[in-house]
All heavy atoms as atom14 arrays in JSON, in Angstrom:
{
  "sequence": "VVIVAWIVGIFAGRVPDGIHGFVASYVRFTTHVNAYFSIAANPYPSFS",
  "atom14_mask": [
    [1, 1, 1, 1, 1, 1, 1, 0, 0, 0, 0, 0, 0, 0],
    [1, 1, 1, 1, 1, 1, 1, 0, 0, 0, 0, 0, 0, 0],
    [1, 1, 1, 1, 1, 1, 1, 1, 0, 0, 0, 0, 0, 0],
    [1, 1, 1, 1, 1, 1, 1, 0, 0, 0, 0, 0, 0, 0],
    [1, 1, 1, 1, 1, 0, 0, 0, 0, 0, 0, 0, 0, 0],
    [1, 1, 1, 1, 1, 1, 1, 1, 1, 1, 1, 1, 1, 1],
    [1, 1, 1, 1, 1, 1, 1, 1, 0, 0, 0, 0, 0, 0],
    [1, 1, 1, 1, 1, 1, 1, 0, 0, 0, 0, 0, 0, 0],
    [1, 1, 1, 1, 0, 0, 0, 0, 0, 0, 0, 0, 0, 0],
    [1, 1, 1, 1, 1, 1, 1, 1, 0, 0, 0, 0, 0, 0],
    [1, 1, 1, 1, 1, 1, 1, 1, 1, 1, 1, 0, 0, 0],
    [1, 1, 1, 1, 1, 0, 0, 0, 0, 0, 0, 0, 0, 0],
    [1, 1, 1, 1, 0, 0, 0, 0, 0, 0, 0, 0, 0, 0],
    [1, 1, 1, 1, 1, 1, 1, 1, 1, 1, 1, 0, 0, 0],
    [1, 1, 1, 1, 1, 1, 1, 0, 0, 0, 0, 0, 0, 0],
    [1, 1, 1, 1, 1, 1, 1, 0, 0, 0, 0, 0, 0, 0],
    [1, 1, 1, 1, 1, 1, 1, 1, 0, 0, 0, 0, 0, 0],
    [1, 1, 1, 1, 0, 0, 0, 0, 0, 0, 0, 0, 0, 0],
    [1, 1, 1, 1, 1, 1, 1, 1, 0, 0, 0, 0, 0, 0],
    [1, 1, 1, 1, 1, 1, 1, 1, 1, 1, 0, 0, 0, 0],
    [1, 1, 1, 1, 0, 0, 0, 0, 0, 0, 0, 0, 0, 0],
    [1, 1, 1, 1, 1, 1, 1, 1, 1, 1, 1, 0, 0, 0],
    [1, 1, 1, 1, 1, 1, 1, 0, 0, 0, 0, 0, 0, 0],
    [1, 1, 1, 1, 1, 0, 0, 0, 0, 0, 0, 0, 0, 0],
    [1, 1, 1, 1, 1, 1, 0, 0, 0, 0, 0, 0, 0, 0],
    [1, 1, 1, 1, 1, 1, 1, 1, 1, 1, 1, 1, 0, 0],
    [1, 1, 1, 1, 1, 1, 1, 0, 0, 0, 0, 0, 0, 0],
    [1, 1, 1, 1, 1, 1, 1, 1, 1, 1, 1, 0, 0, 0],
    [1, 1, 1, 1, 1, 1, 1, 1, 1, 1, 1, 0, 0, 0],
    [1, 1, 1, 1, 1, 1, 1, 0, 0, 0, 0, 0, 0, 0],
    [1, 1, 1, 1, 1, 1, 1, 0, 0, 0, 0, 0, 0, 0],
    [1, 1, 1, 1, 1, 1, 1, 1, 1, 1, 0, 0, 0, 0],
    [1, 1, 1, 1, 1, 1, 1, 0, 0, 0, 0, 0, 0, 0],
    [1, 1, 1, 1, 1, 1, 1, 1, 0, 0, 0, 0, 0, 0],
    [1, 1, 1, 1, 1, 0, 0, 0, 0, 0, 0, 0, 0, 0],
    [1, 1, 1, 1, 1, 1, 1, 1, 1, 1, 1, 1, 0, 0],
    [1, 1, 1, 1, 1, 1, 1, 1, 1, 1, 1, 0, 0, 0],
    [1, 1, 1, 1, 1, 1, 0, 0, 0, 0, 0, 0, 0, 0],
    [1, 1, 1, 1, 1, 1, 1, 1, 0, 0, 0, 0, 0, 0],
    [1, 1, 1, 1, 1, 0, 0, 0, 0, 0, 0, 0, 0, 0],
    [1, 1, 1, 1, 1, 0, 0, 0, 0, 0, 0, 0, 0, 0],
    [1, 1, 1, 1, 1, 1, 1, 1, 0, 0, 0, 0, 0, 0],
    [1, 1, 1, 1, 1, 1, 1, 0, 0, 0, 0, 0, 0, 0],
    [1, 1, 1, 1, 1, 1, 1, 1, 1, 1, 1, 1, 0, 0],
    [1, 1, 1, 1, 1, 1, 1, 0, 0, 0, 0, 0, 0, 0],
    [1, 1, 1, 1, 1, 1, 0, 0, 0, 0, 0, 0, 0, 0],
    [1, 1, 1, 1, 1, 1, 1, 1, 1, 1, 1, 0, 0, 0],
    [1, 1, 1, 1, 1, 1, 0, 0, 0, 0, 0, 0, 0, 0]
  ],
  "atom14_positions": [
    [[-1.35, 0.46, 8.81], [-1.26, 1.53, 7.81], [0.18, 2.06, 7.72], [0.67, 2.36, 6.63], [-2.26, 2.66, 8.14], [-2.01, 3.88, 7.29], [-3.69, 2.17, 7.95], [0.0, 0.0, 0.0], [0.0, 0.0, 0.0], [0.0, 0.0, 0.0], [0.0, 0.0, 0.0], [0.0, 0.0, 0.0], [0.0, 0.0, 0.0], [0.0, 0.0, 0.0]],
    [[0.86, 2.16, 8.86], [2.24, 2.64, 8.87], [3.16, 1.66, 8.13], [4.09, 2.08, 7.44], [2.74, 2.89, 10.32], [4.25, 3.11, 10.37], [2.01, 4.1, 10.91], [0.0, 0.0, 0.0], [0.0, 0.0, 0.0], [0.0, 0.0, 0.0], [0.0, 0.0, 0.0], [0.0, 0.0, 0.0], [0.0, 0.0, 0.0], [0.0, 0.0, 0.0]],
    [[2.9, 0.37, 8.26], [3.69, -0.62, 7.51], [3.52, -0.38, 6.0], [4.5, -0.4, 5.25], [3.28, -2.06, 7.9], [3.73, -2.34, 9.34], [3.89, -3.07, 6.94], [3.17, -3.61, 9.93], [0.0, 0.0, 0.0], [0.0, 0.0, 0.0], [0.0, 0.0, 0.0], [0.0, 0.0, 0.0], [0.0, 0.0, 0.0], [0.0, 0.0, 0.0]],
    [[2.28, -0.14, 5.59], [2.02, 0.17, 4.17], [2.75, 1.46, 3.79], [3.39, 1.54, 2.73], [0.5, 0.29, 3.9], [0.24, 0.79, 2.49], [-0.2, -1.05, 4.14], [0.0, 0.0, 0.0], [0.0, 0.0, 0.0], [0.0, 0.0, 0.0], [0.0, 0.0, 0.0], [0.0, 0.0, 0.0], [0.0, 0.0, 0.0], [0.0, 0.0, 0.0]],
    [[2.68, 2.48, 4.65], [3.34, 3.76, 4.38], [4.85, 3.56, 4.25], [5.5, 4.2, 3.41], [3.03, 4.76, 5.5], [0.0, 0.0, 0.0], [0.0, 0.0, 0.0], [0.0, 0.0, 0.0], [0.0, 0.0, 0.0], [0.0, 0.0, 0.0], [0.0, 0.0, 0.0], [0.0, 0.0, 0.0], [0.0, 0.0, 0.0], [0.0, 0.0, 0.0]],
    [[5.41, 2.69, 5.09], [6.85, 2.42, 5.05], [7.24, 1.81, 3.7], [8.2, 2.25, 3.07], [7.22, 1.49, 6.2], [8.67, 1.18, 6.3], [9.67, 1.99, 6.77], [9.31, -0.05, 5.93], [10.88, 1.35, 6.71], [10.7, 0.08, 6.2], [8.85, -1.25, 5.41], [11.61, -0.94, 5.96], [9.76, -2.28, 5.17], [11.12, -2.12, 5.45]],
    [[6.46, 0.83, 3.25], [6.75, 0.18, 1.96], [6.61, 1.18, 0.81], [7.48, 1.29, -0.05], [5.84, -1.05, 1.75], [6.17, -2.12, 2.8], [5.98, -1.6, 0.34], [5.14, -3.23, 2.89], [0.0, 0.0, 0.0], [0.0, 0.0, 0.0], [0.0, 0.0, 0.0], [0.0, 0.0, 0.0], [0.0, 0.0, 0.0], [0.0, 0.0, 0.0]],
    [[5.49, 1.91, 0.81], [5.27, 2.9, -0.25], [6.34, 3.98, -0.21], [6.88, 4.4, -1.24], [3.86, 3.53, -0.12], [3.69, 4.69, -1.09], [2.78, 2.48, -0.36], [0.0, 0.0, 0.0], [0.0, 0.0, 0.0], [0.0, 0.0, 0.0], [0.0, 0.0, 0.0], [0.0, 0.0, 0.0], [0.0, 0.0, 0.0], [0.0, 0.0, 0.0]],
    [[6.68, 4.43, 1.0], [7.67, 5.5, 1.16], [9.04, 5.13, 0.65], [9.76, 5.97, 0.1], [0.0, 0.0, 0.0], [0.0, 0.0, 0.0], [0.0, 0.0, 0.0], [0.0, 0.0, 0.0], [0.0, 0.0, 0.0], [0.0, 0.0, 0.0], [0.0, 0.0, 0.0], [0.0, 0.0, 0.0], [0.0, 0.0, 0.0], [0.0, 0.0, 0.0]],
    [[9.43, 3.86, 0.84], [10.74, 3.41, 0.35], [10.82, 3.56, -1.17], [11.85, 3.94, -1.72], [11.01, 1.95, 0.78], [11.27, 1.9, 2.29], [12.18, 1.36, 0.02], [11.32, 0.51, 2.86], [0.0, 0.0, 0.0], [0.0, 0.0, 0.0], [0.0, 0.0, 0.0], [0.0, 0.0, 0.0], [0.0, 0.0, 0.0], [0.0, 0.0, 0.0]],
    [[9.72, 3.28, -1.84], [9.72, 3.35, -3.31], [9.38, 4.74, -3.84], [9.95, 5.19, -4.83], [8.76, 2.31, -3.89], [9.23, 0.89, -3.68], [8.72, 0.13, -2.65], [10.2, 0.34, -4.51], [9.17, -1.18, -2.45], [10.65, -0.95, -4.32], [10.14, -1.72, -3.28], [0.0, 0.0, 0.0], [0.0, 0.0, 0.0], [0.0, 0.0, 0.0]],
    [[8.44, 5.41, -3.17], [7.95, 6.7, -3.69], [8.66, 7.9, -3.09], [8.58, 9.0, -3.63], [6.44, 6.81, -3.45], [0.0, 0.0, 0.0], [0.0, 0.0, 0.0], [0.0, 0.0, 0.0], [0.0, 0.0, 0.0], [0.0, 0.0, 0.0], [0.0, 0.0, 0.0], [0.0, 0.0, 0.0], [0.0, 0.0, 0.0], [0.0, 0.0, 0.0]],
    [[9.31, 7.72, -1.92], [9.97, 8.85, -1.28], [9.02, 9.81, -0.58], [9.4, 10.9, -0.2], [0.0, 0.0, 0.0], [0.0, 0.0, 0.0], [0.0, 0.0, 0.0], [0.0, 0.0, 0.0], [0.0, 0.0, 0.0], [0.0, 0.0, 0.0], [0.0, 0.0, 0.0], [0.0, 0.0, 0.0], [0.0, 0.0, 0.0], [0.0, 0.0, 0.0]],
    [[7.79, 9.38, -0.36], [6.82, 10.19, 0.4], [5.66, 9.3, 0.82], [5.44, 8.23, 0.25], [6.31, 11.38, -0.41], [5.32, 11.05, -1.51], [5.01, 12.24, -2.41], [4.52, 13.4, -1.72], [3.24, 13.63, -1.42], [2.31, 12.73, -1.73], [2.88, 14.74, -0.84], [0.0, 0.0, 0.0], [0.0, 0.0, 0.0], [0.0, 0.0, 0.0]],
    [[4.93, 9.76, 1.81], [3.75, 9.04, 2.3], [2.53, 9.58, 1.57], [2.36, 10.8, 1.46], [3.6, 9.23, 3.83], [2.31, 8.63, 4.34], [4.79, 8.63, 4.56], [0.0, 0.0, 0.0], [0.0, 0.0, 0.0], [0.0, 0.0, 0.0], [0.0, 0.0, 0.0], [0.0, 0.0, 0.0], [0.0, 0.0, 0.0], [0.0, 0.0, 0.0]],
    [[1.66, 8.71, 1.04], [0.46, 9.19, 0.35], [-0.42, 10.06, 1.25], [-0.46, 9.86, 2.47], [-0.27, 7.89, -0.03], [0.79, 6.84, -0.04], [1.78, 7.25, 1.01], [0.0, 0.0, 0.0], [0.0, 0.0, 0.0], [0.0, 0.0, 0.0], [0.0, 0.0, 0.0], [0.0, 0.0, 0.0], [0.0, 0.0, 0.0], [0.0, 0.0, 0.0]],
    [[-1.1, 11.02, 0.64], [-1.91, 11.99, 1.39], [-2.94, 11.32, 2.31], [-3.09, 11.72, 3.47], [-2.65, 12.93, 0.43], [-1.7, 13.85, -0.32], [-0.47, 13.77, -0.07], [-2.16, 14.62, -1.16], [0.0, 0.0, 0.0], [0.0, 0.0, 0.0], [0.0, 0.0, 0.0], [0.0, 0.0, 0.0], [0.0, 0.0, 0.0], [0.0, 0.0, 0.0]],
    [[-3.66, 10.32, 1.8], [-4.69, 9.66, 2.6], [-4.14, 8.97, 3.83], [-4.69, 9.07, 4.93], [0.0, 0.0, 0.0], [0.0, 0.0, 0.0], [0.0, 0.0, 0.0], [0.0, 0.0, 0.0], [0.0, 0.0, 0.0], [0.0, 0.0, 0.0], [0.0, 0.0, 0.0], [0.0, 0.0, 0.0], [0.0, 0.0, 0.0], [0.0, 0.0, 0.0]],
    [[-3.01, 8.29, 3.67], [-2.36, 7.62, 4.8], [-1.86, 8.66, 5.79], [-2.03, 8.52, 7.01], [-1.22, 6.72, 4.31], [-1.8, 5.51, 3.56], [-0.34, 6.27, 5.46], [-0.75, 4.59, 2.96], [0.0, 0.0, 0.0], [0.0, 0.0, 0.0], [0.0, 0.0, 0.0], [0.0, 0.0, 0.0], [0.0, 0.0, 0.0], [0.0, 0.0, 0.0]],
    [[-1.24, 9.71, 5.27], [-0.74, 10.79, 6.13], [-1.87, 11.38, 6.97], [-1.74, 11.56, 8.19], [-0.08, 11.88, 5.28], [0.54, 12.98, 6.07], [-0.19, 14.04, 6.57], [1.82, 13.2, 6.44], [0.61, 14.86, 7.21], [1.84, 14.37, 7.16], [0.0, 0.0, 0.0], [0.0, 0.0, 0.0], [0.0, 0.0, 0.0], [0.0, 0.0, 0.0]],
    [[-3.01, 11.65, 6.35], [-4.15, 12.23, 7.06], [-4.7, 11.3, 8.14], [-5.03, 11.75, 9.25], [0.0, 0.0, 0.0], [0.0, 0.0, 0.0], [0.0, 0.0, 0.0], [0.0, 0.0, 0.0], [0.0, 0.0, 0.0], [0.0, 0.0, 0.0], [0.0, 0.0, 0.0], [0.0, 0.0, 0.0], [0.0, 0.0, 0.0], [0.0, 0.0, 0.0]],
    [[-4.78, 10.02, 7.83], [-5.29, 9.03, 8.79], [-4.38, 8.93, 10.01], [-4.84, 8.98, 11.16], [-5.42, 7.66, 8.1], [-5.92, 6.57, 9.0], [-7.25, 6.51, 9.38], [-5.05, 5.58, 9.45], [-7.71, 5.5, 10.21], [-5.5, 4.56, 10.28], [-6.84, 4.52, 10.66], [0.0, 0.0, 0.0], [0.0, 0.0, 0.0], [0.0, 0.0, 0.0]],
    [[-3.09, 8.82, 9.76], [-2.13, 8.69, 10.86], [-2.03, 10.0, 11.64], [-1.94, 10.0, 12.87], [-0.74, 8.24, 10.31], [0.29, 8.21, 11.44], [-0.85, 6.87, 9.65], [0.0, 0.0, 0.0], [0.0, 0.0, 0.0], [0.0, 0.0, 0.0], [0.0, 0.0, 0.0], [0.0, 0.0, 0.0], [0.0, 0.0, 0.0], [0.0, 0.0, 0.0]],
    [[-2.07, 11.14, 10.94], [-2.01, 12.44, 11.61], [-3.18, 12.62, 12.56], [-3.01, 13.13, 13.68], [-1.97, 13.56, 10.58], [0.0, 0.0, 0.0], [0.0, 0.0, 0.0], [0.0, 0.0, 0.0], [0.0, 0.0, 0.0], [0.0, 0.0, 0.0], [0.0, 0.0, 0.0], [0.0, 0.0, 0.0], [0.0, 0.0, 0.0], [0.0, 0.0, 0.0]],
    [[-4.38, 12.2, 12.15], [-5.55, 12.3, 13.02], [-5.36, 11.48, 14.29], [-5.75, 11.89, 15.38], [-6.81, 11.84, 12.29], [-7.11, 12.73, 11.25], [0.0, 0.0, 0.0], [0.0, 0.0, 0.0], [0.0, 0.0, 0.0], [0.0, 0.0, 0.0], [0.0, 0.0, 0.0], [0.0, 0.0, 0.0], [0.0, 0.0, 0.0], [0.0, 0.0, 0.0]],
    [[-4.75, 10.31, 14.12], [-4.51, 9.44, 15.29], [-3.5, 10.09, 16.24], [-3.71, 10.1, 17.46], [-4.0, 8.07, 14.83], [-3.58, 7.19, 15.97], [-4.53, 6.58, 16.79], [-2.24, 6.98, 16.26], [-4.15, 5.79, 17.85], [-1.85, 6.18, 17.32], [-2.81, 5.59, 18.11], [-2.43, 4.8, 19.17], [0.0, 0.0, 0.0], [0.0, 0.0, 0.0]],
    [[-2.42, 10.62, 15.71], [-1.4, 11.24, 16.55], [-1.99, 12.46, 17.26], [-1.74, 12.7, 18.45], [-0.15, 11.62, 15.73], [0.85, 12.39, 16.58], [0.5, 10.36, 15.16], [0.0, 0.0, 0.0], [0.0, 0.0, 0.0], [0.0, 0.0, 0.0], [0.0, 0.0, 0.0], [0.0, 0.0, 0.0], [0.0, 0.0, 0.0], [0.0, 0.0, 0.0]],
    [[-2.83, 13.22, 16.56], [-3.49, 14.36, 17.18], [-4.44, 13.89, 18.3], [-4.46, 14.44, 19.39], [-4.27, 15.17, 16.14], [-4.84, 16.48, 16.7], [-5.6, 17.28, 15.66], [-4.75, 17.67, 14.56], [-4.82, 17.15, 13.34], [-5.7, 16.21, 13.05], [-4.01, 17.56, 12.39], [0.0, 0.0, 0.0], [0.0, 0.0, 0.0], [0.0, 0.0, 0.0]],
    [[-5.2, 12.83, 18.02], [-6.13, 12.29, 19.02], [-5.38, 11.83, 20.27], [-5.78, 12.15, 21.39], [-6.93, 11.12, 18.42], [-7.7, 10.34, 19.43], [-8.85, 10.87, 20.02], [-7.3, 9.07, 19.82], [-9.57, 10.16, 20.96], [-8.01, 8.35, 20.76], [-9.15, 8.89, 21.33], [0.0, 0.0, 0.0], [0.0, 0.0, 0.0], [0.0, 0.0, 0.0]],
    [[-4.3, 11.09, 20.1], [-3.57, 10.61, 21.28], [-2.94, 11.76, 22.06], [-2.84, 11.69, 23.28], [-2.49, 9.57, 20.89], [-1.61, 10.14, 19.92], [-3.13, 8.29, 20.34], [0.0, 0.0, 0.0], [0.0, 0.0, 0.0], [0.0, 0.0, 0.0], [0.0, 0.0, 0.0], [0.0, 0.0, 0.0], [0.0, 0.0, 0.0], [0.0, 0.0, 0.0]],
    [[-2.58, 12.82, 21.36], [-2.07, 14.01, 22.06], [-3.18, 14.63, 22.9], [-2.95, 15.02, 24.06], [-1.51, 15.04, 21.05], [-0.46, 14.43, 20.31], [-0.99, 16.28, 21.76], [0.0, 0.0, 0.0], [0.0, 0.0, 0.0], [0.0, 0.0, 0.0], [0.0, 0.0, 0.0], [0.0, 0.0, 0.0], [0.0, 0.0, 0.0], [0.0, 0.0, 0.0]],
    [[-4.39, 14.73, 22.34], [-5.53, 15.25, 23.1], [-5.81, 14.37, 24.33], [-6.07, 14.88, 25.43], [-6.79, 15.29, 22.23], [-6.69, 16.21, 21.06], [-7.64, 16.24, 20.06], [-5.76, 17.14, 20.71], [-7.3, 17.14, 19.16], [-6.16, 17.69, 19.53], [0.0, 0.0, 0.0], [0.0, 0.0, 0.0], [0.0, 0.0, 0.0], [0.0, 0.0, 0.0]],
    [[-5.78, 13.05, 24.13], [-6.05, 12.12, 25.23], [-5.0, 12.28, 26.33], [-5.33, 12.35, 27.52], [-6.09, 10.66, 24.73], [-6.17, 9.68, 25.9], [-7.28, 10.46, 23.8], [0.0, 0.0, 0.0], [0.0, 0.0, 0.0], [0.0, 0.0, 0.0], [0.0, 0.0, 0.0], [0.0, 0.0, 0.0], [0.0, 0.0, 0.0], [0.0, 0.0, 0.0]],
    [[-3.74, 12.33, 25.93], [-2.67, 12.5, 26.92], [-2.78, 13.84, 27.64], [-2.52, 13.93, 28.85], [-1.3, 12.37, 26.26], [-0.97, 10.94, 25.91], [-1.41, 10.01, 26.57], [-0.19, 10.75, 24.86], [0.0, 0.0, 0.0], [0.0, 0.0, 0.0], [0.0, 0.0, 0.0], [0.0, 0.0, 0.0], [0.0, 0.0, 0.0], [0.0, 0.0, 0.0]],
    [[-3.18, 14.88, 26.91], [-3.36, 16.19, 27.53], [-4.51, 16.14, 28.54], [-4.4, 16.7, 29.64], [-3.63, 17.25, 26.47], [0.0, 0.0, 0.0], [0.0, 0.0, 0.0], [0.0, 0.0, 0.0], [0.0, 0.0, 0.0], [0.0, 0.0, 0.0], [0.0, 0.0, 0.0], [0.0, 0.0, 0.0], [0.0, 0.0, 0.0], [0.0, 0.0, 0.0]],
    [[-5.59, 15.47, 28.18], [-6.73, 15.36, 29.09], [-6.37, 14.54, 30.32], [-6.6, 14.96, 31.45], [-7.91, 14.71, 28.35], [-9.12, 14.49, 29.23], [-9.92, 15.57, 29.62], [-9.46, 13.22, 29.67], [-11.02, 15.37, 30.43], [-10.56, 13.02, 30.48], [-11.34, 14.09, 30.87], [-12.43, 13.9, 31.68], [0.0, 0.0, 0.0], [0.0, 0.0, 0.0]],
    [[-5.77, 13.37, 30.1], [-5.44, 12.48, 31.21], [-4.43, 13.11, 32.16], [-4.53, 12.97, 33.38], [-4.9, 11.15, 30.67], [-4.47, 10.21, 31.75], [-5.41, 9.61, 32.59], [-3.13, 9.93, 31.96], [-5.02, 8.75, 33.61], [-2.73, 9.07, 32.97], [-3.68, 8.48, 33.8], [0.0, 0.0, 0.0], [0.0, 0.0, 0.0], [0.0, 0.0, 0.0]],
    [[-3.47, 13.82, 31.61], [-2.41, 14.42, 32.44], [-2.85, 15.71, 33.1], [-2.09, 16.31, 33.86], [-1.17, 14.69, 31.59], [-1.43, 15.71, 30.64], [0.0, 0.0, 0.0], [0.0, 0.0, 0.0], [0.0, 0.0, 0.0], [0.0, 0.0, 0.0], [0.0, 0.0, 0.0], [0.0, 0.0, 0.0], [0.0, 0.0, 0.0], [0.0, 0.0, 0.0]],
    [[-4.06, 16.17, 32.8], [-4.65, 17.4, 33.33], [-3.98, 18.64, 32.74], [-4.09, 19.74, 33.24], [-4.67, 17.42, 34.87], [-5.2, 16.07, 35.39], [-5.56, 18.52, 35.42], [-5.19, 15.92, 36.88], [0.0, 0.0, 0.0], [0.0, 0.0, 0.0], [0.0, 0.0, 0.0], [0.0, 0.0, 0.0], [0.0, 0.0, 0.0], [0.0, 0.0, 0.0]],
    [[-3.31, 18.46, 31.61], [-2.78, 19.62, 30.87], [-3.9, 20.35, 30.16], [-3.73, 21.49, 29.74], [-1.73, 19.16, 29.87], [0.0, 0.0, 0.0], [0.0, 0.0, 0.0], [0.0, 0.0, 0.0], [0.0, 0.0, 0.0], [0.0, 0.0, 0.0], [0.0, 0.0, 0.0], [0.0, 0.0, 0.0], [0.0, 0.0, 0.0], [0.0, 0.0, 0.0]],
    [[-5.07, 19.7, 30.02], [-6.26, 20.32, 29.42], [-7.48, 19.83, 30.19], [-7.43, 18.8, 30.85], [-6.37, 19.97, 27.94], [0.0, 0.0, 0.0], [0.0, 0.0, 0.0], [0.0, 0.0, 0.0], [0.0, 0.0, 0.0], [0.0, 0.0, 0.0], [0.0, 0.0, 0.0], [0.0, 0.0, 0.0], [0.0, 0.0, 0.0], [0.0, 0.0, 0.0]],
    [[-8.58, 20.58, 30.08], [-9.77, 20.24, 30.87], [-10.91, 19.6, 30.09], [-11.51, 18.64, 30.56], [-10.28, 21.49, 31.59], [-11.29, 21.12, 32.66], [-11.0, 20.35, 33.56], [-12.5, 21.67, 32.56], [0.0, 0.0, 0.0], [0.0, 0.0, 0.0], [0.0, 0.0, 0.0], [0.0, 0.0, 0.0], [0.0, 0.0, 0.0], [0.0, 0.0, 0.0]],
    [[-11.27, 20.06, 28.87], [-12.45, 19.5, 28.19], [-12.23, 18.05, 27.76], [-11.1, 17.64, 27.48], [-12.64, 20.39, 26.96], [-11.68, 21.49, 27.08], [-10.66, 21.13, 28.1], [0.0, 0.0, 0.0], [0.0, 0.0, 0.0], [0.0, 0.0, 0.0], [0.0, 0.0, 0.0], [0.0, 0.0, 0.0], [0.0, 0.0, 0.0], [0.0, 0.0, 0.0]],
    [[-13.33, 17.31, 27.68], [-13.25, 15.93, 27.21], [-12.95, 15.95, 25.71], [-13.64, 16.63, 24.94], [-14.57, 15.22, 27.47], [-14.45, 13.72, 27.53], [-13.92, 13.1, 28.66], [-14.85, 12.92, 26.46], [-13.81, 11.72, 28.73], [-14.74, 11.54, 26.52], [-14.21, 10.94, 27.66], [-14.1, 9.58, 27.73], [0.0, 0.0, 0.0], [0.0, 0.0, 0.0]],
    [[-11.95, 15.2, 25.27], [-11.58, 15.25, 23.84], [-12.6, 14.56, 22.94], [-13.31, 13.64, 23.37], [-10.25, 14.48, 23.78], [-9.82, 14.29, 25.19], [-11.03, 14.37, 26.04], [0.0, 0.0, 0.0], [0.0, 0.0, 0.0], [0.0, 0.0, 0.0], [0.0, 0.0, 0.0], [0.0, 0.0, 0.0], [0.0, 0.0, 0.0], [0.0, 0.0, 0.0]],
    [[-12.65, 14.97, 21.71], [-13.44, 14.31, 20.68], [-12.76, 13.0, 20.31], [-11.54, 12.88, 20.38], [-13.56, 15.23, 19.47], [-13.48, 14.54, 18.28], [0.0, 0.0, 0.0], [0.0, 0.0, 0.0], [0.0, 0.0, 0.0], [0.0, 0.0, 0.0], [0.0, 0.0, 0.0], [0.0, 0.0, 0.0], [0.0, 0.0, 0.0], [0.0, 0.0, 0.0]],
    [[-13.54, 12.01, 19.9], [-12.98, 10.72, 19.49], [-12.46, 10.73, 18.05], [-11.94, 9.74, 17.57], [-14.04, 9.61, 19.63], [-14.26, 9.18, 21.06], [-15.08, 9.91, 21.9], [-13.65, 8.05, 21.57], [-15.28, 9.52, 23.23], [-13.84, 7.64, 22.88], [-14.66, 8.39, 23.71], [0.0, 0.0, 0.0], [0.0, 0.0, 0.0], [0.0, 0.0, 0.0]],
    [[-12.59, 11.85, 17.38], [-12.22, 11.93, 15.96], [-10.79, 12.45, 15.73], [-10.27, 12.33, 14.64], [-13.2, 12.84, 15.22], [-13.05, 14.18, 15.68], [0.0, 0.0, 0.0], [0.0, 0.0, 0.0], [0.0, 0.0, 0.0], [0.0, 0.0, 0.0], [0.0, 0.0, 0.0], [0.0, 0.0, 0.0], [0.0, 0.0, 0.0], [0.0, 0.0, 0.0]]
  ]
}
């Protein structure tokens, strides 16, 4: 999806909303996972 965003971004000068939302959810999820694994947070993260 990021490869698609890169191609679209070069021509459009922005990332489409749907792609941005999909990638943002992933970055948020990996932050939650890293916080959980590193013991920076305690609850088990959601997979979403």
